[in-house]
Amino acid sequence: MKKNKNFIPKDEKLHVFVPFVNLLLFEKFESPNFYLENAKLSENFIEAVKIINDTSIDSSDYFKMKVQYFITELSEGKRRLIFDSIIQNELFMSAMSFTYTIENNLSMNNESSLISHTEILKNLLNFTIKGEMSKVLFYFFGLYFEHIFYVESSDENYISQTAYDNLFENLLKNP
């Protein structure tokens, strides 16, 4: 079966993330053509996998640059879709609130919780309206896209259509 540039995951909220996954894997926004063969991964992705396997996603300049580039290329409408995905994820929002509280040496109480949620929402609104990158956004992408760097493959230079499709099955699921 031929899979072309118009790959569409079953879950509609994932559509906005297809170009990001492609950017990570192939350094272009378009989905690969799977026709009787696997798709070649970019050399930079292969190198990034080696670095991330030895350290973590936080230390990957490749990942940081791809997140930043992806963000700058998004329309406001697509940024709103990402905003919606983030704020609807209660686990992530709670984790970010806790992280903000700890990083800013706030007490664990209702007032601090309100302050942290307000700051997180401000960061997300600045992203949605102005396209500004923030730590909150980077954490989100790191948490929900890190598994891409651990994709199973019989050949580390290529990805099969099945493995590619499976990446989308696991996106945005609680890590």
Foldseek 3Di string as FASTA:
>chain_A
DWDFQPDDAPDNLCRLCQQLLCCLFAVGRTDDIADPDFAFGDPLNLVQLVVCVVPHPVPRPSNVVSLLVSLVPDDLVSLVSVLVLQVVPVVLLVVQLVVVCVVVVHDPDPVSSVVSSVVLVVQSVCCNPVSDDDPSSVVLCRQFPRCSSVQDDPDSRTDHPVSVSVSSVRGSDHD
